[in-house]
Amino acid sequence: MKNNNLINARKECGLTQESVAKILNCKKGTISNWENGYSSPKLSDAFKLAKLFGKDVNHLFFNEKVQVSCTKGLRKEKINVG
């Protein structure tokens, strides 16, 4: 079954499968397999994808809606992926 959440997250970021593959140091076909539901990423890669796309792992891979709430006093920081 296609992983539309993963596909949509990648497209929202303006990234191609090829560019994501370069960031994660894997093959384009691997990204395609994840998006088309032929295989699943290792947990470490799933978290890298979540950071890259600014999404929650549960949303990307388990189709769970996750509500993110902000707390006063917290600051936004850039996350390094890769």
PDB file of N, CA and C in Angstrom:
ATOM      1  N   MET A   1       0.832  -1.168   0.000  1.00  0.00           N
ATOM      2  CA  MET A   1       0.000   0.000   0.000  1.00  0.00           C
ATOM      3  C   MET A   1       0.889   1.248   0.000  1.00  0.00           C
ATOM      4  N   LYS A   2       0.566   2.179  -0.864  1.00  0.00           N
ATOM      5  CA  LYS A   2       1.352   3.411  -0.972  1.00  0.00           C
ATOM      6  C   LYS A   2       1.340   4.181   0.335  1.00  0.00           C
ATOM      7  N   ASN A   3       2.456   4.796   0.636  1.00  0.00           N
ATOM      8  CA  ASN A   3       2.565   5.635   1.819  1.00  0.00           C
ATOM      9  C   ASN A   3       2.384   7.087   1.380  1.00  0.00           C
ATOM     10  N   ASN A   4       1.117   7.492   1.282  1.00  0.00           N
ATOM     11  CA  ASN A   4       0.811   8.843   0.808  1.00  0.00           C
ATOM     12  C   ASN A   4       1.326   9.922   1.747  1.00  0.00           C
ATOM     13  N   ASN A   5       1.378   9.633   3.041  1.00  0.00           N
ATOM     14  CA  ASN A   5       1.904  10.630   3.978  1.00  0.00           C
ATOM     15  C   ASN A   5       3.371  10.918   3.685  1.00  0.00           C
ATOM     16  N   LEU A   6       4.126   9.882   3.390  1.00  0.00           N
ATOM     17  CA  LEU A   6       5.545  10.050   3.074  1.00  0.00           C
ATOM     18  C   LEU A   6       5.720  10.790   1.748  1.00  0.00           C
ATOM     19  N   ILE A   7       4.944  10.402   0.764  1.00  0.00           N
ATOM     20  CA  ILE A   7       5.004  11.051  -0.553  1.00  0.00           C
ATOM     21  C   ILE A   7       4.656  12.535  -0.436  1.00  0.00           C
ATOM     22  N   ASN A   8       3.550  12.821   0.249  1.00  0.00           N
ATOM     23  CA  ASN A   8       3.109  14.214   0.386  1.00  0.00           C
ATOM     24  C   ASN A   8       4.110  15.053   1.171  1.00  0.00           C
ATOM     25  N   ALA A   9       4.690  14.479   2.219  1.00  0.00           N
ATOM     26  CA  ALA A   9       5.677  15.213   3.018  1.00  0.00           C
ATOM     27  C   ALA A   9       6.891  15.572   2.170  1.00  0.00           C
ATOM     28  N   ARG A  10       7.347  14.625   1.357  1.00  0.00           N
ATOM     29  CA  ARG A  10       8.498  14.889   0.487  1.00  0.00           C
ATOM     30  C   ARG A  10       8.174  15.998  -0.507  1.00  0.00           C
ATOM     31  N   LYS A  11       6.997  15.907  -1.120  1.00  0.00           N
ATOM     32  CA  LYS A  11       6.611  16.900  -2.119  1.00  0.00           C
ATOM     33  C   LYS A  11       6.393  18.276  -1.505  1.00  0.00           C
ATOM     34  N   GLU A  12       5.842  18.319  -0.276  1.00  0.00           N
ATOM     35  CA  GLU A  12       5.648  19.595   0.411  1.00  0.00           C
ATOM     36  C   GLU A  12       6.983  20.303   0.636  1.00  0.00           C
ATOM     37  N   CYS A  13       8.032  19.529   0.799  1.00  0.00           N
ATOM     38  CA  CYS A  13       9.373  20.092   1.002  1.00  0.00           C
ATOM     39  C   CYS A  13      10.055  20.418  -0.317  1.00  0.00           C
ATOM     40  N   GLY A  14       9.398  20.096  -1.426  1.00  0.00           N
ATOM     41  CA  GLY A  14       9.973  20.387  -2.731  1.00  0.00           C
ATOM     42  C   GLY A  14      11.147  19.497  -3.081  1.00  0.00           C
ATOM     43  N   LEU A  15      11.163  18.289  -2.526  1.00  0.00           N
ATOM     44  CA  LEU A  15      12.274  17.367  -2.757  1.00  0.00           C
ATOM     45  C   LEU A  15      11.873  16.243  -3.699  1.00  0.00           C
ATOM     46  N   THR A  16      12.838  15.748  -4.437  1.00  0.00           N
ATOM     47  CA  THR A  16      12.633  14.584  -5.292  1.00  0.00           C
ATOM     48  C   THR A  16      13.097  13.344  -4.536  1.00  0.00           C
ATOM     49  N   GLN A  17      12.709  12.188  -5.044  1.00  0.00           N
ATOM     50  CA  GLN A  17      13.198  10.942  -4.451  1.00  0.00           C
ATOM     51  C   GLN A  17      14.717  10.902  -4.513  1.00  0.00           C
ATOM     52  N   GLU A  18      15.258  11.370  -5.606  1.00  0.00           N
ATOM     53  CA  GLU A  18      16.711  11.371  -5.788  1.00  0.00           C
ATOM     54  C   GLU A  18      17.411  12.258  -4.757  1.00  0.00           C
ATOM     55  N   SER A  19      16.860  13.431  -4.506  1.00  0.00           N
ATOM     56  CA  SER A  19      17.494  14.328  -3.531  1.00  0.00           C
ATOM     57  C   SER A  19      17.403  13.767  -2.112  1.00  0.00           C
ATOM     58  N   VAL A  20      16.288  13.139  -1.778  1.00  0.00           N
ATOM     59  CA  VAL A  20      16.158  12.512  -0.457  1.00  0.00           C
ATOM     60  C   VAL A  20      17.154  11.366  -0.333  1.00  0.00           C
ATOM     61  N   ALA A  21      17.303  10.594  -1.398  1.00  0.00           N
ATOM     62  CA  ALA A  21      18.259   9.479  -1.387  1.00  0.00           C
ATOM     63  C   ALA A  21      19.682   9.986  -1.143  1.00  0.00           C
ATOM     64  N   LYS A  22      20.042  11.098  -1.764  1.00  0.00           N
ATOM     65  CA  LYS A  22      21.382  11.662  -1.554  1.00  0.00           C
ATOM     66  C   LYS A  22      21.571  12.094  -0.106  1.00  0.00           C
ATOM     67  N   ILE A  23      20.550  12.713   0.471  1.00  0.00           N
ATOM     68  CA  ILE A  23      20.632  13.174   1.856  1.00  0.00           C
ATOM     69  C   ILE A  23      20.799  11.993   2.807  1.00  0.00           C
ATOM     70  N   LEU A  24      20.072  10.903   2.541  1.00  0.00           N
ATOM     71  CA  LEU A  24      20.120   9.732   3.420  1.00  0.00           C
ATOM     72  C   LEU A  24      21.209   8.739   3.025  1.00  0.00           C
ATOM     73  N   ASN A  25      21.927   9.057   1.955  1.00  0.00           N
ATOM     74  CA  ASN A  25      22.999   8.185   1.475  1.00  0.00           C
ATOM     75  C   ASN A  25      22.482   6.785   1.124  1.00  0.00           C
ATOM     76  N   CYS A  26      21.434   6.766   0.298  1.00  0.00           N
ATOM     77  CA  CYS A  26      20.892   5.492  -0.179  1.00  0.00           C
ATOM     78  C   CYS A  26      20.502   5.670  -1.648  1.00  0.00           C
ATOM     79  N   LYS A  27      19.891   4.670  -2.229  1.00  0.00           N
ATOM     80  CA  LYS A  27      19.510   4.726  -3.641  1.00  0.00           C
ATOM     81  C   LYS A  27      18.097   5.281  -3.808  1.00  0.00           C
ATOM     82  N   LYS A  28      17.854   5.898  -4.953  1.00  0.00           N
ATOM     83  CA  LYS A  28      16.532   6.429  -5.279  1.00  0.00           C
ATOM     84  C   LYS A  28      15.486   5.326  -5.209  1.00  0.00           C
ATOM     85  N   GLY A  29      15.859   4.135  -5.646  1.00  0.00           N
ATOM     86  CA  GLY A  29      14.934   3.001  -5.615  1.00  0.00           C
ATOM     87  C   GLY A  29      14.494   2.638  -4.209  1.00  0.00           C
ATOM     88  N   THR A  30      15.366   2.876  -3.246  1.00  0.00           N
ATOM     89  CA  THR A  30      15.020   2.616  -1.848  1.00  0.00           C
ATOM     90  C   THR A  30      13.901   3.550  -1.408  1.00  0.00           C
ATOM     91  N   ILE A  31      14.022   4.823  -1.757  1.00  0.00           N
ATOM     92  CA  ILE A  31      12.984   5.806  -1.416  1.00  0.00           C
ATOM     93  C   ILE A  31      11.679   5.425  -2.104  1.00  0.00           C
ATOM     94  N   SER A  32      11.765   5.040  -3.360  1.00  0.00           N
ATOM     95  CA  SER A  32      10.588   4.616  -4.108  1.00  0.00           C
ATOM     96  C   SER A  32       9.916   3.413  -3.446  1.00  0.00           C
ATOM     97  N   ASN A  33      10.711   2.455  -3.012  1.00  0.00           N
ATOM     98  CA  ASN A  33      10.161   1.273  -2.342  1.00  0.00           C
ATOM     99  C   ASN A  33       9.446   1.642  -1.050  1.00  0.00           C
ATOM    100  N   TRP A  34      10.008   2.577  -0.295  1.00  0.00           N
ATOM    101  CA  TRP A  34       9.352   3.023   0.939  1.00  0.00           C
ATOM    102  C   TRP A  34       8.031   3.706   0.622  1.00  0.00           C
ATOM    103  N   GLU A  35       8.042   4.581  -0.381  1.00  0.00           N
ATOM    104  CA  GLU A  35       6.833   5.325  -0.734  1.00  0.00           C
ATOM    105  C   GLU A  35       5.747   4.420  -1.306  1.00  0.00           C
ATOM    106  N   ASN A  36       6.145   3.391  -2.023  1.00  0.00           N
ATOM    107  CA  ASN A  36       5.171   2.485  -2.634  1.00  0.00           C
ATOM    108  C   ASN A  36       4.778   1.322  -1.733  1.00  0.00           C
ATOM    109  N   GLY A  37       5.361   1.265  -0.542  1.00  0.00           N
ATOM    110  CA  GLY A  37       4.981   0.240   0.422  1.00  0.00           C
ATOM    111  C   GLY A  37       5.594  -1.117   0.180  1.00  0.00           C
ATOM    112  N   TYR A  38       6.628  -1.180  -0.649  1.00  0.00           N
ATOM    113  CA  TYR A  38       7.294  -2.460  -0.915  1.00  0.00           C
ATOM    114  C   TYR A  38       8.255  -2.839   0.200  1.00  0.00           C
ATOM    115  N   SER A  39       8.746  -1.839   0.923  1.00  0.00           N
ATOM    116  CA  SER A  39       9.628  -2.078   2.066  1.00  0.00           C
ATOM    117  C   SER A  39       9.482  -0.904   3.024  1.00  0.00           C
ATOM    118  N   SER A  40      10.054  -1.057   4.198  1.00  0.00           N
ATOM    119  CA  SER A  40      10.010  -0.002   5.214  1.00  0.00           C
ATOM    120  C   SER A  40      11.430   0.390   5.589  1.00  0.00           C
ATOM    121  N   PRO A  41      11.613   1.648   5.940  1.00  0.00           N
ATOM    122  CA  PRO A  41      12.958   2.082   6.327  1.00  0.00           C
ATOM    123  C   PRO A  41      13.347   1.547   7.702  1.00  0.00           C
ATOM    124  N   LYS A  42      14.654   1.489   7.930  1.00  0.00           N
ATOM    125  CA  LYS A  42      15.138   1.192   9.277  1.00  0.00           C
ATOM    126  C   LYS A  42      14.649   2.324  10.178  1.00  0.00           C
ATOM    127  N   LEU A  43      14.559   2.039  11.451  1.00  0.00           N
ATOM    128  CA  LEU A  43      14.075   3.039  12.393  1.00  0.00           C
ATOM    129  C   LEU A  43      14.911   4.316  12.334  1.00  0.00           C
ATOM    130  N   SER A  44      16.216   4.161  12.213  1.00  0.00           N
ATOM    131  CA  SER A  44      17.087   5.345  12.149  1.00  0.00           C
ATOM    132  C   SER A  44      16.773   6.191  10.915  1.00  0.00           C
ATOM    133  N   ASP A  45      16.488   5.548   9.788  1.00  0.00           N
ATOM    134  CA  ASP A  45      16.132   6.290   8.574  1.00  0.00           C
ATOM    135  C   ASP A  45      14.749   6.927   8.701  1.00  0.00           C
ATOM    136  N   ALA A  46      13.835   6.246   9.378  1.00  0.00           N
ATOM    137  CA  ALA A  46      12.497   6.806   9.591  1.00  0.00           C
ATOM    138  C   ALA A  46      12.588   8.110  10.379  1.00  0.00           C
ATOM    139  N   PHE A  47      13.441   8.131  11.403  1.00  0.00           N
ATOM    140  CA  PHE A  47      13.607   9.353  12.189  1.00  0.00           C
ATOM    141  C   PHE A  47      14.306  10.440  11.382  1.00  0.00           C
ATOM    142  N   LYS A  48      15.240  10.072  10.531  1.00  0.00           N
ATOM    143  CA  LYS A  48      15.897  11.060   9.666  1.00  0.00           C
ATOM    144  C   LYS A  48      14.885  11.693   8.715  1.00  0.00           C
ATOM    145  N   LEU A  49      14.005  10.862   8.150  1.00  0.00           N
ATOM    146  CA  LEU A  49      12.971  11.378   7.251  1.00  0.00           C
ATOM    147  C   LEU A  49      12.032  12.320   7.997  1.00  0.00           C
ATOM    148  N   ALA A  50      11.645  11.940   9.191  1.00  0.00           N
ATOM    149  CA  ALA A  50      10.748  12.778   9.989  1.00  0.00           C
ATOM    150  C   ALA A  50      11.385  14.138  10.261  1.00  0.00           C
ATOM    151  N   LYS A  51      12.660  14.150  10.607  1.00  0.00           N
ATOM    152  CA  LYS A  51      13.360  15.415  10.852  1.00  0.00           C
ATOM    153  C   LYS A  51      13.473  16.226   9.570  1.00  0.00           C
ATOM    154  N   LEU A  52      13.825  15.560   8.487  1.00  0.00           N
ATOM    155  CA  LEU A  52      13.986  16.232   7.204  1.00  0.00           C
ATOM    156  C   LEU A  52      12.693  16.914   6.768  1.00  0.00           C
ATOM    157  N   PHE A  53      11.565  16.215   6.944  1.00  0.00           N
ATOM    158  CA  PHE A  53      10.275  16.729   6.489  1.00  0.00           C
ATOM    159  C   PHE A  53       9.544  17.549   7.547  1.00  0.00           C
ATOM    160  N   GLY A  54      10.078  17.591   8.766  1.00  0.00           N
ATOM    161  CA  GLY A  54       9.403  18.326   9.832  1.00  0.00           C
ATOM    162  C   GLY A  54       8.099  17.683  10.243  1.00  0.00           C
ATOM    163  N   LYS A  55       8.066  16.369  10.203  1.00  0.00           N
ATOM    164  CA  LYS A  55       6.855  15.608  10.539  1.00  0.00           C
ATOM    165  C   LYS A  55       7.149  14.635  11.666  1.00  0.00           C
ATOM    166  N   ASP A  56       6.101  14.099  12.244  1.00  0.00           N
ATOM    167  CA  ASP A  56       6.223  13.085  13.278  1.00  0.00           C
ATOM    168  C   ASP A  56       6.314  11.703  12.627  1.00  0.00           C
ATOM    169  N   VAL A  57       7.139  10.835  13.179  1.00  0.00           N
ATOM    170  CA  VAL A  57       7.303   9.480  12.637  1.00  0.00           C
ATOM    171  C   VAL A  57       5.962   8.749  12.591  1.00  0.00           C
ATOM    172  N   ASN A  58       5.146   8.927  13.626  1.00  0.00           N
ATOM    173  CA  ASN A  58       3.843   8.253  13.651  1.00  0.00           C
ATOM    174  C   ASN A  58       2.980   8.683  12.480  1.00  0.00           C
ATOM    175  N   HIS A  59       3.038   9.951  12.147  1.00  0.00           N
ATOM    176  CA  HIS A  59       2.257  10.451  11.015  1.00  0.00           C
ATOM    177  C   HIS A  59       2.775   9.879   9.696  1.00  0.00           C
ATOM    178  N   LEU A  60       4.076   9.839   9.541  1.00  0.00           N
ATOM    179  CA  LEU A  60       4.653   9.369   8.280  1.00  0.00           C
ATOM    180  C   LEU A  60       4.453   7.880   8.043  1.00  0.00           C
ATOM    181  N   PHE A  61       4.573   7.072   9.098  1.00  0.00           N
ATOM    182  CA  PHE A  61       4.614   5.629   8.886  1.00  0.00           C
ATOM    183  C   PHE A  61       3.481   4.828   9.519  1.00  0.00           C
ATOM    184  N   PHE A  62       2.762   5.421  10.447  1.00  0.00           N
ATOM    185  CA  PHE A  62       1.705   4.660  11.105  1.00  0.00           C
ATOM    186  C   PHE A  62       0.340   5.286  10.906  1.00  0.00           C
ATOM    187  N   ASN A  63       0.277   6.315  10.066  1.00  0.00           N
ATOM    188  CA  ASN A  63      -0.964   6.986   9.697  1.00  0.00           C
ATOM    189  C   ASN A  63      -1.744   7.479  10.908  1.00  0.00           C
ATOM    190  N   GLU A  64      -1.026   7.839  11.957  1.00  0.00           N
ATOM    191  CA  GLU A  64      -1.671   8.393  13.138  1.00  0.00           C
ATOM    192  C   GLU A  64      -1.593   9.907  13.066  1.00  0.00           C
ATOM    193  N   LYS A  65      -2.706  10.533  13.358  1.00  0.00           N
ATOM    194  CA  LYS A  65      -2.702  11.990  13.397  1.00  0.00           C
ATOM    195  C   LYS A  65      -2.088  12.419  14.717  1.00  0.00           C
ATOM    196  N   VAL A  66      -1.135  13.291  14.622  1.00  0.00           N
ATOM    197  CA  VAL A  66      -0.419  13.758  15.801  1.00  0.00           C
ATOM    198  C   VAL A  66      -0.624  15.254  15.920  1.00  0.00           C
ATOM    199  N   GLN A  67      -1.065  15.674  17.085  1.00  0.00           N
ATOM    200  CA  GLN A  67      -1.242  17.096  17.323  1.00  0.00           C
ATOM    201  C   GLN A  67      -0.013  17.610  18.048  1.00  0.00           C
ATOM    202  N   VAL A  68       0.575  18.613  17.487  1.00  0.00           N
ATOM    203  CA  VAL A  68       1.763  19.206  18.089  1.00  0.00           C
ATOM    204  C   VAL A  68       1.344  20.507  18.757  1.00  0.00           C
ATOM    205  N   SER A  69       1.692  20.649  20.011  1.00  0.00           N
ATOM    206  CA  SER A  69       1.359  21.883  20.714  1.00  0.00           C
ATOM    207  C   SER A  69       2.644  22.606  21.093  1.00  0.00           C
ATOM    208  N   CYS A  70       2.564  23.909  21.138  1.00  0.00           N
ATOM    209  CA  CYS A  70       3.721  24.724  21.491  1.00  0.00           C
ATOM    210  C   CYS A  70       3.661  25.072  22.967  1.00  0.00           C
ATOM    211  N   THR A  71       4.812  25.187  23.562  1.00  0.00           N
ATOM    212  CA  THR A  71       4.911  25.573  24.958  1.00  0.00           C
ATOM    213  C   THR A  71       5.725  26.851  25.039  1.00  0.00           C
ATOM    214  N   LYS A  72       5.254  27.796  25.831  1.00  0.00           N
ATOM    215  CA  LYS A  72       5.992  29.055  25.987  1.00  0.00           C
ATOM    216  C   LYS A  72       7.370  28.777  26.553  1.00  0.00           C
ATOM    217  N   GLY A  73       8.314  29.541  26.099  1.00  0.00           N
ATOM    218  CA  GLY A  73       9.666  29.417  26.611  1.00  0.00           C
ATOM    219  C   GLY A  73      10.555  28.497  25.793  1.00  0.00           C
ATOM    220  N   LEU A  74       9.969  27.708  24.912  1.00  0.00           N
ATOM    221  CA  LEU A  74      10.779  26.840  24.059  1.00  0.00           C
ATOM    222  C   LEU A  74      11.193  27.629  22.833  1.00  0.00           C
ATOM    223  N   ARG A  75      12.350  27.324  22.329  1.00  0.00           N
ATOM    224  CA  ARG A  75      12.823  28.016  21.138  1.00  0.00           C
ATOM    225  C   ARG A  75      13.011  27.012  20.013  1.00  0.00           C
ATOM    226  N   LYS A  76      12.846  27.490  18.813  1.00  0.00           N
ATOM    227  CA  LYS A  76      13.036  26.636  17.645  1.00  0.00           C
ATOM    228  C   LYS A  76      14.518  26.528  17.352  1.00  0.00           C
ATOM    229  N   GLU A  77      14.944  25.327  16.999  1.00  0.00           N
ATOM    230  CA  GLU A  77      16.337  25.107  16.630  1.00  0.00           C
ATOM    231  C   GLU A  77      16.381  24.351  15.311  1.00  0.00           C
ATOM    232  N   LYS A  78      17.413  24.594  14.554  1.00  0.00           N
ATOM    233  CA  LYS A  78      17.606  23.847  13.320  1.00  0.00           C
ATOM    234  C   LYS A  78      18.044  22.438  13.667  1.00  0.00           C
ATOM    235  N   ILE A  79      17.530  21.480  12.912  1.00  0.00           N
ATOM    236  CA  ILE A  79      17.884  20.083  13.124  1.00  0.00           C
ATOM    237  C   ILE A  79      18.765  19.638  11.970  1.00  0.00           C
ATOM    238  N   ASN A  80      19.910  19.084  12.284  1.00  0.00           N
ATOM    239  CA  ASN A  80      20.807  18.568  11.255  1.00  0.00           C
ATOM    240  C   ASN A  80      20.405  17.149  10.901  1.00  0.00           C
ATOM    241  N   VAL A  81      20.211  16.898   9.622  1.00  0.00           N
ATOM    242  CA  VAL A  81      19.857  15.567   9.140  1.00  0.00           C
ATOM    243  C   VAL A  81      21.024  15.053   8.327  1.00  0.00           C
ATOM    244  N   GLY A  82      21.381  13.810   8.588  1.00  0.00           N
ATOM    245  CA  GLY A  82      22.427  13.193   7.781  1.00  0.00           C
ATOM    246  C   GLY A  82      23.690  13.180   8.433  1.00  0.00           C
TER     247      GLY A  82
END
